């Protein structure tokens, strides 16, 4: 029997309590949680379609299947850019891609209006990731609907290679639902025990900003949740 060669990981043991692994696992959990509903609807719809004989009812089921398939695809496109490595793009991502995936999520929600103010044709991947996760947090806060204002500007800064990107997302609507733990995650003051699939996106943004030498902050008032970030454009 041929000898099987195994990779030796002894020099870099992986611990189950590794913060990076914990965060990655929680982001995966978040993605699975958000995908469960539309994928489950697809499965249920296919079961109904197999048993249904009435032509009108079959047509309605097909419509529901098409909507569930669209919602699933929209969410996968969003999470690919928001959580993933955005494969297929270079260091810069077209702002139209970010706008399309957010508009799709907002369109599926039906109670939120997205308003955009983007400068330029493309932004660095870290800025796009920050913009999309701000949008996700804002959408979650607008449980009763409202408006989501999203802006990003790439500007030159003396002495800074590539400049920096300023990002602002404002969610305004009645009775905003903003978890204080998400705010702590954005501030970098979240206790390790409070890291969850809900706070993981905000914690990821904080870590990303710290690694790049950027800034992240949020302000909650009775009228709006405002999130802002400054991300150096020359590092990624």
C-alpha atoms as a PDB file:
ATOM      1  CA  UNK A   1       0.000   0.000   0.000  1.00  0.00           C
ATOM      2  CA  UNK A   2       1.307   3.421  -0.908  1.00  0.00           C
ATOM      3  CA  UNK A   3       2.183   5.709   1.954  1.00  0.00           C
ATOM      4  CA  UNK A   4      -0.249   8.582   2.388  1.00  0.00           C
ATOM      5  CA  UNK A   5       1.439  11.903   3.053  1.00  0.00           C
ATOM      6  CA  UNK A   6      -0.441  14.169   5.402  1.00  0.00           C
ATOM      7  CA  UNK A   7       0.143  17.897   5.755  1.00  0.00           C
ATOM      8  CA  UNK A   8       1.832  18.682   9.043  1.00  0.00           C
ATOM      9  CA  UNK A   9      -0.104  21.373  10.880  1.00  0.00           C
ATOM     10  CA  UNK A  10       1.931  21.067  14.080  1.00  0.00           C
ATOM     11  CA  UNK A  11       3.590  24.424  13.564  1.00  0.00           C
ATOM     12  CA  UNK A  12       0.257  26.265  13.435  1.00  0.00           C
ATOM     13  CA  UNK A  13      -2.272  24.402  15.570  1.00  0.00           C
ATOM     14  CA  UNK A  14      -5.868  25.419  15.035  1.00  0.00           C
ATOM     15  CA  UNK A  15      -7.803  26.045  18.219  1.00  0.00           C
ATOM     16  CA  UNK A  16     -11.573  25.797  18.323  1.00  0.00           C
ATOM     17  CA  UNK A  17     -11.680  29.085  20.227  1.00  0.00           C
ATOM     18  CA  UNK A  18      -9.668  30.920  17.559  1.00  0.00           C
ATOM     19  CA  UNK A  19     -11.435  34.328  17.182  1.00  0.00           C
ATOM     20  CA  UNK A  20     -10.949  34.335  13.406  1.00  0.00           C
ATOM     21  CA  UNK A  21     -12.490  30.884  13.073  1.00  0.00           C
ATOM     22  CA  UNK A  22     -15.323  31.816  15.408  1.00  0.00           C
ATOM     23  CA  UNK A  23     -16.125  34.893  13.333  1.00  0.00           C
ATOM     24  CA  UNK A  24     -15.993  32.938  10.061  1.00  0.00           C
ATOM     25  CA  UNK A  25     -18.277  30.262  11.496  1.00  0.00           C
ATOM     26  CA  UNK A  26     -20.785  32.848  12.705  1.00  0.00           C
ATOM     27  CA  UNK A  27     -20.814  34.604   9.334  1.00  0.00           C
ATOM     28  CA  UNK A  28     -21.557  31.233   7.725  1.00  0.00           C
ATOM     29  CA  UNK A  29     -24.338  30.703  10.245  1.00  0.00           C
ATOM     30  CA  UNK A  30     -25.748  34.110   9.383  1.00  0.00           C
ATOM     31  CA  UNK A  31     -25.729  33.324   5.676  1.00  0.00           C
ATOM     32  CA  UNK A  32     -27.429  29.959   6.262  1.00  0.00           C
ATOM     33  CA  UNK A  33     -30.049  31.565   8.509  1.00  0.00           C
ATOM     34  CA  UNK A  34     -30.950  34.169   5.891  1.00  0.00           C
ATOM     35  CA  UNK A  35     -31.023  31.602   3.090  1.00  0.00           C
ATOM     36  CA  UNK A  36     -33.192  29.108   4.987  1.00  0.00           C
ATOM     37  CA  UNK A  37     -36.519  30.816   4.293  1.00  0.00           C
ATOM     38  CA  UNK A  38     -36.318  31.218   0.481  1.00  0.00           C
ATOM     39  CA  UNK A  39     -34.679  27.817  -0.018  1.00  0.00           C
ATOM     40  CA  UNK A  40     -37.254  26.198   2.254  1.00  0.00           C
ATOM     41  CA  UNK A  41     -40.010  27.855   0.230  1.00  0.00           C
ATOM     42  CA  UNK A  42     -38.519  26.339  -2.926  1.00  0.00           C
ATOM     43  CA  UNK A  43     -38.520  22.879  -1.377  1.00  0.00           C
ATOM     44  CA  UNK A  44     -42.096  23.196  -0.127  1.00  0.00           C
ATOM     45  CA  UNK A  45     -43.269  24.590  -3.449  1.00  0.00           C
ATOM     46  CA  UNK A  46     -41.779  21.684  -5.369  1.00  0.00           C
ATOM     47  CA  UNK A  47     -43.553  19.221  -3.072  1.00  0.00           C
ATOM     48  CA  UNK A  48     -46.870  20.992  -3.618  1.00  0.00           C
ATOM     49  CA  UNK A  49     -46.333  21.135  -7.358  1.00  0.00           C
ATOM     50  CA  UNK A  50     -45.750  17.391  -7.511  1.00  0.00           C
ATOM     51  CA  UNK A  51     -49.143  16.693  -5.885  1.00  0.00           C
ATOM     52  CA  UNK A  52     -51.243  19.526  -7.363  1.00  0.00           C
ATOM     53  CA  UNK A  53     -53.458  18.742 -10.383  1.00  0.00           C
ATOM     54  CA  UNK A  54     -55.409  21.978 -10.735  1.00  0.00           C
ATOM     55  CA  UNK A  55     -53.931  24.101 -13.552  1.00  0.00           C
ATOM     56  CA  UNK A  56     -54.628  27.475 -11.902  1.00  0.00           C
ATOM     57  CA  UNK A  57     -53.141  26.377  -8.612  1.00  0.00           C
ATOM     58  CA  UNK A  58     -50.079  24.964 -10.371  1.00  0.00           C
ATOM     59  CA  UNK A  59     -49.600  28.336 -12.029  1.00  0.00           C
ATOM     60  CA  UNK A  60     -49.671  30.085  -8.659  1.00  0.00           C
ATOM     61  CA  UNK A  61     -47.169  27.627  -7.239  1.00  0.00           C
ATOM     62  CA  UNK A  62     -44.832  28.221 -10.180  1.00  0.00           C
ATOM     63  CA  UNK A  63     -45.063  31.978  -9.537  1.00  0.00           C
ATOM     64  CA  UNK A  64     -44.098  31.408  -5.910  1.00  0.00           C
ATOM     65  CA  UNK A  65     -41.213  29.177  -6.975  1.00  0.00           C
ATOM     66  CA  UNK A  66     -39.934  31.865  -9.318  1.00  0.00           C
ATOM     67  CA  UNK A  67     -40.097  34.474  -6.559  1.00  0.00           C
ATOM     68  CA  UNK A  68     -38.310  32.193  -4.082  1.00  0.00           C
ATOM     69  CA  UNK A  69     -35.620  31.416  -6.655  1.00  0.00           C
ATOM     70  CA  UNK A  70     -35.109  35.127  -7.313  1.00  0.00           C
ATOM     71  CA  UNK A  71     -34.898  35.915  -3.597  1.00  0.00           C
ATOM     72  CA  UNK A  72     -32.362  33.114  -3.098  1.00  0.00           C
ATOM     73  CA  UNK A  73     -30.214  34.327  -5.983  1.00  0.00           C
ATOM     74  CA  UNK A  74     -30.406  37.948  -4.787  1.00  0.00           C
ATOM     75  CA  UNK A  75     -29.262  37.011  -1.293  1.00  0.00           C
ATOM     76  CA  UNK A  76     -26.429  34.841  -2.565  1.00  0.00           C
ATOM     77  CA  UNK A  77     -25.162  37.695  -4.756  1.00  0.00           C
ATOM     78  CA  UNK A  78     -25.339  40.045  -1.788  1.00  0.00           C
ATOM     79  CA  UNK A  79     -23.509  37.762   0.636  1.00  0.00           C
ATOM     80  CA  UNK A  80     -20.857  36.958  -1.969  1.00  0.00           C
ATOM     81  CA  UNK A  81     -19.839  40.612  -1.936  1.00  0.00           C
ATOM     82  CA  UNK A  82     -20.644  41.396   1.705  1.00  0.00           C
ATOM     83  CA  UNK A  83     -19.014  38.377   3.386  1.00  0.00           C
ATOM     84  CA  UNK A  84     -16.902  36.714   0.705  1.00  0.00           C
ATOM     85  CA  UNK A  85     -13.772  37.530  -1.263  1.00  0.00           C
ATOM     86  CA  UNK A  86     -15.752  38.964  -4.204  1.00  0.00           C
ATOM     87  CA  UNK A  87     -14.068  36.602  -6.642  1.00  0.00           C
ATOM     88  CA  UNK A  88     -14.230  37.683 -10.239  1.00  0.00           C
ATOM     89  CA  UNK A  89     -13.335  41.276  -9.425  1.00  0.00           C
ATOM     90  CA  UNK A  90      -9.956  42.936  -9.081  1.00  0.00           C
ATOM     91  CA  UNK A  91      -9.003  45.306  -6.293  1.00  0.00           C
ATOM     92  CA  UNK A  92     -11.818  47.629  -7.384  1.00  0.00           C
ATOM     93  CA  UNK A  93     -15.483  46.636  -7.551  1.00  0.00           C
ATOM     94  CA  UNK A  94     -17.980  48.513  -9.741  1.00  0.00           C
ATOM     95  CA  UNK A  95     -20.356  50.516  -7.556  1.00  0.00           C
ATOM     96  CA  UNK A  96     -23.165  49.296  -9.790  1.00  0.00           C
ATOM     97  CA  UNK A  97     -22.660  45.782  -8.397  1.00  0.00           C
ATOM     98  CA  UNK A  98     -23.143  47.006  -4.843  1.00  0.00           C
ATOM     99  CA  UNK A  99     -26.160  49.060  -5.820  1.00  0.00           C
ATOM    100  CA  UNK A 100     -27.769  46.158  -7.670  1.00  0.00           C
ATOM    101  CA  UNK A 101     -27.495  43.694  -4.767  1.00  0.00           C
ATOM    102  CA  UNK A 102     -28.786  46.189  -2.186  1.00  0.00           C
ATOM    103  CA  UNK A 103     -31.650  47.293  -4.439  1.00  0.00           C
ATOM    104  CA  UNK A 104     -32.584  43.634  -4.882  1.00  0.00           C
ATOM    105  CA  UNK A 105     -32.770  43.059  -1.112  1.00  0.00           C
ATOM    106  CA  UNK A 106     -34.766  46.248  -0.634  1.00  0.00           C
ATOM    107  CA  UNK A 107     -37.070  45.284  -3.492  1.00  0.00           C
ATOM    108  CA  UNK A 108     -37.742  41.899  -1.904  1.00  0.00           C
ATOM    109  CA  UNK A 109     -38.533  43.668   1.381  1.00  0.00           C
ATOM    110  CA  UNK A 110     -41.086  45.985  -0.223  1.00  0.00           C
ATOM    111  CA  UNK A 111     -41.253  48.496   2.663  1.00  0.00           C
ATOM    112  CA  UNK A 112     -37.896  50.234   2.293  1.00  0.00           C
ATOM    113  CA  UNK A 113     -36.788  52.863  -0.208  1.00  0.00           C
ATOM    114  CA  UNK A 114     -33.078  53.006  -1.036  1.00  0.00           C
ATOM    115  CA  UNK A 115     -31.576  56.354  -2.066  1.00  0.00           C
ATOM    116  CA  UNK A 116     -28.056  56.505  -3.441  1.00  0.00           C
ATOM    117  CA  UNK A 117     -25.232  59.049  -3.608  1.00  0.00           C
ATOM    118  CA  UNK A 118     -22.175  57.268  -4.996  1.00  0.00           C
ATOM    119  CA  UNK A 119     -19.147  59.039  -6.414  1.00  0.00           C
ATOM    120  CA  UNK A 120     -17.140  57.331  -9.150  1.00  0.00           C
ATOM    121  CA  UNK A 121     -17.517  54.095 -11.071  1.00  0.00           C
ATOM    122  CA  UNK A 122     -15.710  51.733  -8.679  1.00  0.00           C
ATOM    123  CA  UNK A 123     -14.553  51.415  -5.065  1.00  0.00           C
ATOM    124  CA  UNK A 124     -11.964  49.199  -3.322  1.00  0.00           C
ATOM    125  CA  UNK A 125     -13.226  45.839  -2.086  1.00  0.00           C
ATOM    126  CA  UNK A 126     -12.976  46.755   1.642  1.00  0.00           C
ATOM    127  CA  UNK A 127     -15.102  49.859   1.026  1.00  0.00           C
ATOM    128  CA  UNK A 128     -17.715  47.835  -0.874  1.00  0.00           C
ATOM    129  CA  UNK A 129     -17.790  45.265   1.932  1.00  0.00           C
ATOM    130  CA  UNK A 130     -18.283  48.049   4.480  1.00  0.00           C
ATOM    131  CA  UNK A 131     -21.035  49.697   2.449  1.00  0.00           C
ATOM    132  CA  UNK A 132     -22.954  46.435   2.016  1.00  0.00           C
ATOM    133  CA  UNK A 133     -22.743  45.414   5.660  1.00  0.00           C
ATOM    134  CA  UNK A 134     -23.873  48.876   6.731  1.00  0.00           C
ATOM    135  CA  UNK A 135     -26.810  48.397   4.359  1.00  0.00           C
ATOM    136  CA  UNK A 136     -27.579  45.017   5.922  1.00  0.00           C
ATOM    137  CA  UNK A 137     -27.578  46.487   9.430  1.00  0.00           C
ATOM    138  CA  UNK A 138     -29.746  49.386   8.250  1.00  0.00           C
ATOM    139  CA  UNK A 139     -32.271  47.091   6.571  1.00  0.00           C
ATOM    140  CA  UNK A 140     -32.520  45.042   9.768  1.00  0.00           C
ATOM    141  CA  UNK A 141     -33.206  48.189  11.772  1.00  0.00           C
ATOM    142  CA  UNK A 142     -36.082  49.189   9.461  1.00  0.00           C
ATOM    143  CA  UNK A 143     -38.460  46.465  10.599  1.00  0.00           C
ATOM    144  CA  UNK A 144     -41.442  48.769   9.967  1.00  0.00           C
ATOM    145  CA  UNK A 145     -40.098  50.202   6.747  1.00  0.00           C
ATOM    146  CA  UNK A 146     -38.528  53.543   5.966  1.00  0.00           C
ATOM    147  CA  UNK A 147     -35.707  54.970   3.891  1.00  0.00           C
ATOM    148  CA  UNK A 148     -32.123  53.846   3.478  1.00  0.00           C
ATOM    149  CA  UNK A 149     -29.708  56.542   2.298  1.00  0.00           C
ATOM    150  CA  UNK A 150     -26.353  55.231   1.096  1.00  0.00           C
ATOM    151  CA  UNK A 151     -23.370  57.347   0.118  1.00  0.00           C
ATOM    152  CA  UNK A 152     -19.718  56.726  -0.649  1.00  0.00           C
ATOM    153  CA  UNK A 153     -16.964  58.971  -1.960  1.00  0.00           C
ATOM    154  CA  UNK A 154     -13.381  58.208  -2.917  1.00  0.00           C
ATOM    155  CA  UNK A 155     -11.241  61.233  -2.186  1.00  0.00           C
ATOM    156  CA  UNK A 156      -7.555  62.078  -2.383  1.00  0.00           C
ATOM    157  CA  UNK A 157      -5.651  62.635   0.835  1.00  0.00           C
ATOM    158  CA  UNK A 158      -2.220  64.196   0.971  1.00  0.00           C
ATOM    159  CA  UNK A 159       0.364  61.643   1.994  1.00  0.00           C
ATOM    160  CA  UNK A 160      -2.043  58.700   1.694  1.00  0.00           C
ATOM    161  CA  UNK A 161      -1.516  56.343  -1.225  1.00  0.00           C
ATOM    162  CA  UNK A 162      -4.772  55.838  -3.107  1.00  0.00           C
ATOM    163  CA  UNK A 163      -6.690  58.241  -0.868  1.00  0.00           C
ATOM    164  CA  UNK A 164      -9.566  57.127   1.318  1.00  0.00           C
ATOM    165  CA  UNK A 165     -13.221  56.243   0.983  1.00  0.00           C
ATOM    166  CA  UNK A 166     -15.819  57.951   3.151  1.00  0.00           C
ATOM    167  CA  UNK A 167     -18.993  55.893   3.599  1.00  0.00           C
ATOM    168  CA  UNK A 168     -22.258  56.952   5.222  1.00  0.00           C
ATOM    169  CA  UNK A 169     -25.465  54.921   5.539  1.00  0.00           C
ATOM    170  CA  UNK A 170     -28.556  56.393   7.186  1.00  0.00           C
ATOM    171  CA  UNK A 171     -31.620  54.317   8.078  1.00  0.00           C
ATOM    172  CA  UNK A 172     -34.667  56.360   9.034  1.00  0.00           C
ATOM    173  CA  UNK A 173     -38.115  55.111   9.882  1.00  0.00           C
ATOM    174  CA  UNK A 174     -40.604  54.537  12.706  1.00  0.00           C
ATOM    175  CA  UNK A 175     -39.444  52.705  15.845  1.00  0.00           C
ATOM    176  CA  UNK A 176     -36.015  51.629  14.676  1.00  0.00           C
ATOM    177  CA  UNK A 177     -34.875  48.225  15.914  1.00  0.00           C
ATOM    178  CA  UNK A 178     -31.132  48.531  16.489  1.00  0.00           C
ATOM    179  CA  UNK A 179     -29.539  45.983  18.798  1.00  0.00           C
ATOM    180  CA  UNK A 180     -27.131  47.750  21.212  1.00  0.00           C
ATOM    181  CA  UNK A 181     -24.785  44.785  20.862  1.00  0.00           C
ATOM    182  CA  UNK A 182     -24.432  45.529  17.149  1.00  0.00           C
ATOM    183  CA  UNK A 183     -23.467  49.068  18.114  1.00  0.00           C
ATOM    184  CA  UNK A 184     -20.840  47.738  20.519  1.00  0.00           C
ATOM    185  CA  UNK A 185     -19.480  45.482  17.795  1.00  0.00           C
ATOM    186  CA  UNK A 186     -19.072  48.490  15.501  1.00  0.00           C
ATOM    187  CA  UNK A 187     -17.336  50.384  18.318  1.00  0.00           C
ATOM    188  CA  UNK A 188     -15.011  47.475  19.063  1.00  0.00           C
ATOM    189  CA  UNK A 189     -16.262  47.099  22.638  1.00  0.00           C
ATOM    190  CA  UNK A 190     -18.280  43.906  22.202  1.00  0.00           C
ATOM    191  CA  UNK A 191     -17.501  41.212  24.754  1.00  0.00           C
ATOM    192  CA  UNK A 192     -16.368  37.912  23.187  1.00  0.00           C
ATOM    193  CA  UNK A 193     -19.326  36.157  24.808  1.00  0.00           C
ATOM    194  CA  UNK A 194     -21.719  38.431  22.914  1.00  0.00           C
ATOM    195  CA  UNK A 195     -20.353  37.575  19.478  1.00  0.00           C
ATOM    196  CA  UNK A 196     -23.185  35.919  17.549  1.00  0.00           C
ATOM    197  CA  UNK A 197     -24.451  35.476  14.016  1.00  0.00           C
ATOM    198  CA  UNK A 198     -26.308  38.764  14.448  1.00  0.00           C
ATOM    199  CA  UNK A 199     -23.326  40.789  15.654  1.00  0.00           C
ATOM    200  CA  UNK A 200     -20.737  39.053  13.437  1.00  0.00           C
ATOM    201  CA  UNK A 201     -21.142  41.376  10.401  1.00  0.00           C
ATOM    202  CA  UNK A 202     -20.549  44.451  12.571  1.00  0.00           C
ATOM    203  CA  UNK A 203     -17.599  42.777  14.306  1.00  0.00           C
ATOM    204  CA  UNK A 204     -16.126  41.954  10.903  1.00  0.00           C
ATOM    205  CA  UNK A 205     -16.379  45.614   9.865  1.00  0.00           C
ATOM    206  CA  UNK A 206     -14.629  46.713  13.043  1.00  0.00           C
ATOM    207  CA  UNK A 207     -11.793  44.245  12.476  1.00  0.00           C
ATOM    208  CA  UNK A 208     -11.512  45.262   8.826  1.00  0.00           C
ATOM    209  CA  UNK A 209     -11.293  48.957   9.695  1.00  0.00           C
ATOM    210  CA  UNK A 210      -8.720  48.314  12.428  1.00  0.00           C
ATOM    211  CA  UNK A 211      -6.568  46.227  10.089  1.00  0.00           C
ATOM    212  CA  UNK A 212      -6.599  48.908   7.413  1.00  0.00           C
ATOM    213  CA  UNK A 213      -6.145  51.831   9.798  1.00  0.00           C
ATOM    214  CA  UNK A 214      -9.668  53.119   9.170  1.00  0.00           C
ATOM    215  CA  UNK A 215     -12.563  54.237  11.342  1.00  0.00           C
ATOM    216  CA  UNK A 216     -16.094  52.966  11.963  1.00  0.00           C
ATOM    217  CA  UNK A 217     -18.802  54.600  14.046  1.00  0.00           C
ATOM    218  CA  UNK A 218     -22.554  54.654  14.534  1.00  0.00           C
ATOM    219  CA  UNK A 219     -25.063  57.064  16.047  1.00  0.00           C
ATOM    220  CA  UNK A 220     -28.643  56.192  16.991  1.00  0.00           C
ATOM    221  CA  UNK A 221     -31.318  58.856  17.539  1.00  0.00           C
ATOM    222  CA  UNK A 222     -35.091  58.694  17.685  1.00  0.00           C
ATOM    223  CA  UNK A 223     -35.242  59.586  13.998  1.00  0.00           C
ATOM    224  CA  UNK A 224     -32.406  57.611  12.441  1.00  0.00           C
ATOM    225  CA  UNK A 225     -29.504  55.215  12.667  1.00  0.00           C
ATOM    226  CA  UNK A 226     -26.404  56.717  11.052  1.00  0.00           C
ATOM    227  CA  UNK A 227     -23.311  54.596  10.353  1.00  0.00           C
ATOM    228  CA  UNK A 228     -20.100  56.005   8.977  1.00  0.00           C
ATOM    229  CA  UNK A 229     -16.669  54.764   8.035  1.00  0.00           C
ATOM    230  CA  UNK A 230     -13.410  56.038   6.577  1.00  0.00           C
ATOM    231  CA  UNK A 231     -11.484  53.295   4.799  1.00  0.00           C
ATOM    232  CA  UNK A 232      -7.977  53.879   3.348  1.00  0.00           C
ATOM    233  CA  UNK A 233      -8.105  53.047  -0.348  1.00  0.00           C
ATOM    234  CA  UNK A 234      -4.465  52.143  -0.803  1.00  0.00           C
ATOM    235  CA  UNK A 235      -4.561  49.013   1.354  1.00  0.00           C
ATOM    236  CA  UNK A 236      -6.630  45.872   1.040  1.00  0.00           C
END
